[in-house]
């Protein structure tokens, strides 16, 4: 067995990536639920955004649906790109005109979410993702009762040597 710090970090990467994806998606979905349903403090401190109003209502739908998809790990990369793009749009259309720096224009959450979702889109869902579980089940069903094989390596993760 290899107990080196590098091997431990390599082994933990898919789990940490999955937890990061889950937490980021959940927090984003909470913003959408607050704006659409007036829960969790509501939109901008209270109430809801008017239905079909551009861009607020549409942004809230992206936040809720995209956040749930990312949190579940379903269509993760596509949902993460849409979520990242919506936050880039929010930053440049709402916040950036007030000041150059996010800390001064109130755009820090938009910037953080934009980059977090871009990271998720590039790295993939990690562990604990519905699409990974469905992919493994589909691969298992395609074997038609053949002897079980090792699960495929997580996308982007280095293969660990057998002990």
C-alpha atoms as a PDB file:
ATOM      1  CA  UNK A   1       0.000   0.000   0.000  1.00  0.00           C
ATOM      2  CA  UNK A   2       1.118   3.503  -0.784  1.00  0.00           C
ATOM      3  CA  UNK A   3       0.368   5.965   2.020  1.00  0.00           C
ATOM      4  CA  UNK A   4       2.239   8.914   0.567  1.00  0.00           C
ATOM      5  CA  UNK A   5       0.495  12.298   0.771  1.00  0.00           C
ATOM      6  CA  UNK A   6       0.368  12.526  -3.026  1.00  0.00           C
ATOM      7  CA  UNK A   7      -1.346   9.135  -3.333  1.00  0.00           C
ATOM      8  CA  UNK A   8      -3.804  10.049  -0.576  1.00  0.00           C
ATOM      9  CA  UNK A   9      -4.674  13.333  -2.296  1.00  0.00           C
ATOM     10  CA  UNK A  10      -5.051  11.575  -5.654  1.00  0.00           C
ATOM     11  CA  UNK A  11      -7.409   9.047  -4.098  1.00  0.00           C
ATOM     12  CA  UNK A  12      -9.457  11.762  -2.358  1.00  0.00           C
ATOM     13  CA  UNK A  13      -9.753  14.005  -5.422  1.00  0.00           C
ATOM     14  CA  UNK A  14     -12.993  12.549  -6.874  1.00  0.00           C
ATOM     15  CA  UNK A  15     -14.713  12.736  -3.480  1.00  0.00           C
ATOM     16  CA  UNK A  16     -13.570  16.307  -2.782  1.00  0.00           C
ATOM     17  CA  UNK A  17     -14.561  17.295  -6.321  1.00  0.00           C
ATOM     18  CA  UNK A  18     -17.992  15.712  -5.824  1.00  0.00           C
ATOM     19  CA  UNK A  19     -18.575  17.458  -2.495  1.00  0.00           C
ATOM     20  CA  UNK A  20     -17.479  20.794  -4.019  1.00  0.00           C
ATOM     21  CA  UNK A  21     -19.938  20.264  -6.899  1.00  0.00           C
ATOM     22  CA  UNK A  22     -22.752  19.297  -4.534  1.00  0.00           C
ATOM     23  CA  UNK A  23     -22.271  22.281  -2.191  1.00  0.00           C
ATOM     24  CA  UNK A  24     -21.851  24.791  -5.035  1.00  0.00           C
ATOM     25  CA  UNK A  25     -24.944  23.523  -6.845  1.00  0.00           C
ATOM     26  CA  UNK A  26     -27.013  23.505  -3.642  1.00  0.00           C
ATOM     27  CA  UNK A  27     -26.051  27.089  -2.740  1.00  0.00           C
ATOM     28  CA  UNK A  28     -26.819  28.260  -6.281  1.00  0.00           C
ATOM     29  CA  UNK A  29     -30.205  26.502  -6.228  1.00  0.00           C
ATOM     30  CA  UNK A  30     -31.000  28.262  -2.935  1.00  0.00           C
ATOM     31  CA  UNK A  31     -30.552  31.639  -4.665  1.00  0.00           C
ATOM     32  CA  UNK A  32     -32.997  30.585  -7.376  1.00  0.00           C
ATOM     33  CA  UNK A  33     -35.543  29.239  -4.883  1.00  0.00           C
ATOM     34  CA  UNK A  34     -35.333  32.460  -2.872  1.00  0.00           C
ATOM     35  CA  UNK A  35     -36.008  34.587  -5.949  1.00  0.00           C
ATOM     36  CA  UNK A  36     -38.769  32.407  -7.409  1.00  0.00           C
ATOM     37  CA  UNK A  37     -40.645  31.389  -4.259  1.00  0.00           C
ATOM     38  CA  UNK A  38     -39.765  34.065  -1.701  1.00  0.00           C
ATOM     39  CA  UNK A  39     -38.245  31.501   0.682  1.00  0.00           C
ATOM     40  CA  UNK A  40     -34.898  31.770   2.482  1.00  0.00           C
ATOM     41  CA  UNK A  41     -35.234  35.539   2.723  1.00  0.00           C
ATOM     42  CA  UNK A  42     -36.667  36.068  -0.742  1.00  0.00           C
ATOM     43  CA  UNK A  43     -35.272  37.977  -3.696  1.00  0.00           C
ATOM     44  CA  UNK A  44     -32.985  40.833  -2.676  1.00  0.00           C
ATOM     45  CA  UNK A  45     -34.086  40.626   0.949  1.00  0.00           C
ATOM     46  CA  UNK A  46     -37.780  39.847   0.445  1.00  0.00           C
ATOM     47  CA  UNK A  47     -40.455  38.907  -2.053  1.00  0.00           C
ATOM     48  CA  UNK A  48     -40.111  37.266  -5.436  1.00  0.00           C
ATOM     49  CA  UNK A  49     -39.098  38.371  -8.896  1.00  0.00           C
ATOM     50  CA  UNK A  50     -42.019  38.968 -11.297  1.00  0.00           C
ATOM     51  CA  UNK A  51     -42.720  35.990 -13.557  1.00  0.00           C
ATOM     52  CA  UNK A  52     -41.053  36.052 -16.984  1.00  0.00           C
ATOM     53  CA  UNK A  53     -39.287  39.359 -16.228  1.00  0.00           C
ATOM     54  CA  UNK A  54     -35.943  39.718 -18.031  1.00  0.00           C
ATOM     55  CA  UNK A  55     -33.355  39.011 -16.740  1.00  0.00           C
ATOM     56  CA  UNK A  56     -34.271  38.415 -13.077  1.00  0.00           C
ATOM     57  CA  UNK A  57     -36.858  35.652 -13.432  1.00  0.00           C
ATOM     58  CA  UNK A  58     -34.846  33.815 -16.083  1.00  0.00           C
ATOM     59  CA  UNK A  59     -31.695  34.060 -13.977  1.00  0.00           C
ATOM     60  CA  UNK A  60     -33.609  32.602 -11.023  1.00  0.00           C
ATOM     61  CA  UNK A  61     -34.810  29.679 -13.162  1.00  0.00           C
ATOM     62  CA  UNK A  62     -31.232  29.021 -14.298  1.00  0.00           C
ATOM     63  CA  UNK A  63     -30.082  29.219 -10.680  1.00  0.00           C
ATOM     64  CA  UNK A  64     -32.710  26.777  -9.435  1.00  0.00           C
ATOM     65  CA  UNK A  65     -32.662  24.250 -12.285  1.00  0.00           C
ATOM     66  CA  UNK A  66     -28.938  24.527 -13.016  1.00  0.00           C
ATOM     67  CA  UNK A  67     -28.052  24.390  -9.328  1.00  0.00           C
ATOM     68  CA  UNK A  68     -30.148  21.260  -8.782  1.00  0.00           C
ATOM     69  CA  UNK A  69     -28.664  19.553 -11.861  1.00  0.00           C
ATOM     70  CA  UNK A  70     -25.120  20.375 -10.783  1.00  0.00           C
ATOM     71  CA  UNK A  71     -25.775  19.337  -7.175  1.00  0.00           C
ATOM     72  CA  UNK A  72     -27.188  15.999  -8.327  1.00  0.00           C
ATOM     73  CA  UNK A  73     -24.448  15.518 -10.890  1.00  0.00           C
ATOM     74  CA  UNK A  74     -26.821  15.181 -13.807  1.00  0.00           C
ATOM     75  CA  UNK A  75     -25.840  16.787 -17.147  1.00  0.00           C
ATOM     76  CA  UNK A  76     -23.165  18.367 -14.967  1.00  0.00           C
ATOM     77  CA  UNK A  77     -20.839  19.908 -17.524  1.00  0.00           C
ATOM     78  CA  UNK A  78     -23.630  21.429 -19.624  1.00  0.00           C
ATOM     79  CA  UNK A  79     -25.488  22.772 -16.592  1.00  0.00           C
ATOM     80  CA  UNK A  80     -22.252  24.174 -15.135  1.00  0.00           C
ATOM     81  CA  UNK A  81     -21.425  26.021 -18.383  1.00  0.00           C
ATOM     82  CA  UNK A  82     -24.912  27.582 -18.442  1.00  0.00           C
ATOM     83  CA  UNK A  83     -24.640  28.555 -14.753  1.00  0.00           C
ATOM     84  CA  UNK A  84     -21.150  30.010 -15.275  1.00  0.00           C
ATOM     85  CA  UNK A  85     -22.307  31.995 -18.294  1.00  0.00           C
ATOM     86  CA  UNK A  86     -25.326  33.364 -16.447  1.00  0.00           C
ATOM     87  CA  UNK A  87     -23.074  34.627 -13.657  1.00  0.00           C
ATOM     88  CA  UNK A  88     -20.651  36.201 -16.139  1.00  0.00           C
ATOM     89  CA  UNK A  89     -23.623  37.958 -17.740  1.00  0.00           C
ATOM     90  CA  UNK A  90     -24.886  39.074 -14.307  1.00  0.00           C
ATOM     91  CA  UNK A  91     -21.501  40.466 -13.376  1.00  0.00           C
ATOM     92  CA  UNK A  92     -20.891  42.417 -16.565  1.00  0.00           C
ATOM     93  CA  UNK A  93     -24.476  43.638 -17.063  1.00  0.00           C
ATOM     94  CA  UNK A  94     -25.273  44.546 -13.440  1.00  0.00           C
ATOM     95  CA  UNK A  95     -22.187  44.899 -11.264  1.00  0.00           C
ATOM     96  CA  UNK A  96     -19.207  45.928 -13.388  1.00  0.00           C
ATOM     97  CA  UNK A  97     -20.703  49.263 -14.452  1.00  0.00           C
ATOM     98  CA  UNK A  98     -20.714  50.428 -10.793  1.00  0.00           C
ATOM     99  CA  UNK A  99     -17.010  49.847 -10.168  1.00  0.00           C
ATOM    100  CA  UNK A 100     -14.094  47.839 -11.545  1.00  0.00           C
ATOM    101  CA  UNK A 101     -13.538  45.681  -8.449  1.00  0.00           C
ATOM    102  CA  UNK A 102     -16.071  43.042  -7.343  1.00  0.00           C
ATOM    103  CA  UNK A 103     -15.572  43.885  -3.667  1.00  0.00           C
ATOM    104  CA  UNK A 104     -16.715  47.446  -4.376  1.00  0.00           C
ATOM    105  CA  UNK A 105     -19.556  46.705  -6.809  1.00  0.00           C
ATOM    106  CA  UNK A 106     -21.288  43.859  -4.940  1.00  0.00           C
ATOM    107  CA  UNK A 107     -20.375  41.327  -7.605  1.00  0.00           C
ATOM    108  CA  UNK A 108     -18.274  38.928  -5.528  1.00  0.00           C
ATOM    109  CA  UNK A 109     -20.916  36.159  -5.424  1.00  0.00           C
ATOM    110  CA  UNK A 110     -21.392  36.380  -9.197  1.00  0.00           C
ATOM    111  CA  UNK A 111     -17.637  36.151  -9.805  1.00  0.00           C
ATOM    112  CA  UNK A 112     -17.197  33.279  -7.339  1.00  0.00           C
ATOM    113  CA  UNK A 113     -20.086  31.278  -8.806  1.00  0.00           C
ATOM    114  CA  UNK A 114     -18.908  31.991 -12.360  1.00  0.00           C
ATOM    115  CA  UNK A 115     -15.430  30.593 -11.704  1.00  0.00           C
ATOM    116  CA  UNK A 116     -16.664  27.719  -9.517  1.00  0.00           C
ATOM    117  CA  UNK A 117     -19.029  26.516 -12.243  1.00  0.00           C
ATOM    118  CA  UNK A 118     -16.332  26.917 -14.888  1.00  0.00           C
ATOM    119  CA  UNK A 119     -14.078  24.704 -12.745  1.00  0.00           C
ATOM    120  CA  UNK A 120     -16.845  22.094 -12.407  1.00  0.00           C
ATOM    121  CA  UNK A 121     -17.449  22.192 -16.172  1.00  0.00           C
ATOM    122  CA  UNK A 122     -13.738  21.612 -16.855  1.00  0.00           C
ATOM    123  CA  UNK A 123     -13.068  18.940 -14.211  1.00  0.00           C
ATOM    124  CA  UNK A 124     -16.355  17.052 -14.407  1.00  0.00           C
ATOM    125  CA  UNK A 125     -18.678  15.901 -11.645  1.00  0.00           C
ATOM    126  CA  UNK A 126     -16.307  13.853  -9.499  1.00  0.00           C
ATOM    127  CA  UNK A 127     -17.735  11.230  -7.174  1.00  0.00           C
ATOM    128  CA  UNK A 128     -21.320  10.968  -5.928  1.00  0.00           C
ATOM    129  CA  UNK A 129     -22.831  12.097  -9.240  1.00  0.00           C
ATOM    130  CA  UNK A 130     -26.051  10.607 -10.620  1.00  0.00           C
ATOM    131  CA  UNK A 131     -24.616  10.525 -14.155  1.00  0.00           C
ATOM    132  CA  UNK A 132     -21.607   8.546 -12.892  1.00  0.00           C
ATOM    133  CA  UNK A 133     -23.873   6.062 -11.104  1.00  0.00           C
ATOM    134  CA  UNK A 134     -26.094   5.713 -14.179  1.00  0.00           C
ATOM    135  CA  UNK A 135     -23.043   5.275 -16.398  1.00  0.00           C
ATOM    136  CA  UNK A 136     -21.681   2.509 -14.199  1.00  0.00           C
ATOM    137  CA  UNK A 137     -25.047   0.748 -14.093  1.00  0.00           C
ATOM    138  CA  UNK A 138     -25.357   0.993 -17.877  1.00  0.00           C
ATOM    139  CA  UNK A 139     -21.843  -0.404 -18.267  1.00  0.00           C
ATOM    140  CA  UNK A 140     -22.716  -3.221 -15.857  1.00  0.00           C
ATOM    141  CA  UNK A 141     -25.919  -4.031 -17.741  1.00  0.00           C
ATOM    142  CA  UNK A 142     -23.996  -4.155 -21.036  1.00  0.00           C
ATOM    143  CA  UNK A 143     -21.798  -6.935 -19.638  1.00  0.00           C
ATOM    144  CA  UNK A 144     -24.804  -9.330 -19.736  1.00  0.00           C
ATOM    145  CA  UNK A 145     -23.854 -11.126 -16.575  1.00  0.00           C
ATOM    146  CA  UNK A 146     -20.135 -11.215 -17.277  1.00  0.00           C
ATOM    147  CA  UNK A 147     -17.777 -11.297 -14.320  1.00  0.00           C
ATOM    148  CA  UNK A 148     -17.645  -7.935 -12.563  1.00  0.00           C
ATOM    149  CA  UNK A 149     -14.759  -5.748 -13.605  1.00  0.00           C
ATOM    150  CA  UNK A 150     -13.094  -2.801 -11.931  1.00  0.00           C
ATOM    151  CA  UNK A 151     -15.027   0.460 -12.166  1.00  0.00           C
ATOM    152  CA  UNK A 152     -13.692   2.819 -14.825  1.00  0.00           C
ATOM    153  CA  UNK A 153     -11.301   5.471 -13.559  1.00  0.00           C
ATOM    154  CA  UNK A 154     -12.821   8.852 -12.826  1.00  0.00           C
ATOM    155  CA  UNK A 155     -12.440  11.173 -15.793  1.00  0.00           C
ATOM    156  CA  UNK A 156      -9.359  13.317 -15.415  1.00  0.00           C
ATOM    157  CA  UNK A 157      -8.035  11.349 -12.428  1.00  0.00           C
ATOM    158  CA  UNK A 158      -4.723   9.550 -12.554  1.00  0.00           C
ATOM    159  CA  UNK A 159      -4.898   5.782 -12.304  1.00  0.00           C
ATOM    160  CA  UNK A 160      -3.719   4.391  -8.986  1.00  0.00           C
ATOM    161  CA  UNK A 161      -1.434   1.370  -8.954  1.00  0.00           C
ATOM    162  CA  UNK A 162      -2.951  -1.853  -7.688  1.00  0.00           C
ATOM    163  CA  UNK A 163      -1.833  -2.816  -4.212  1.00  0.00           C
END
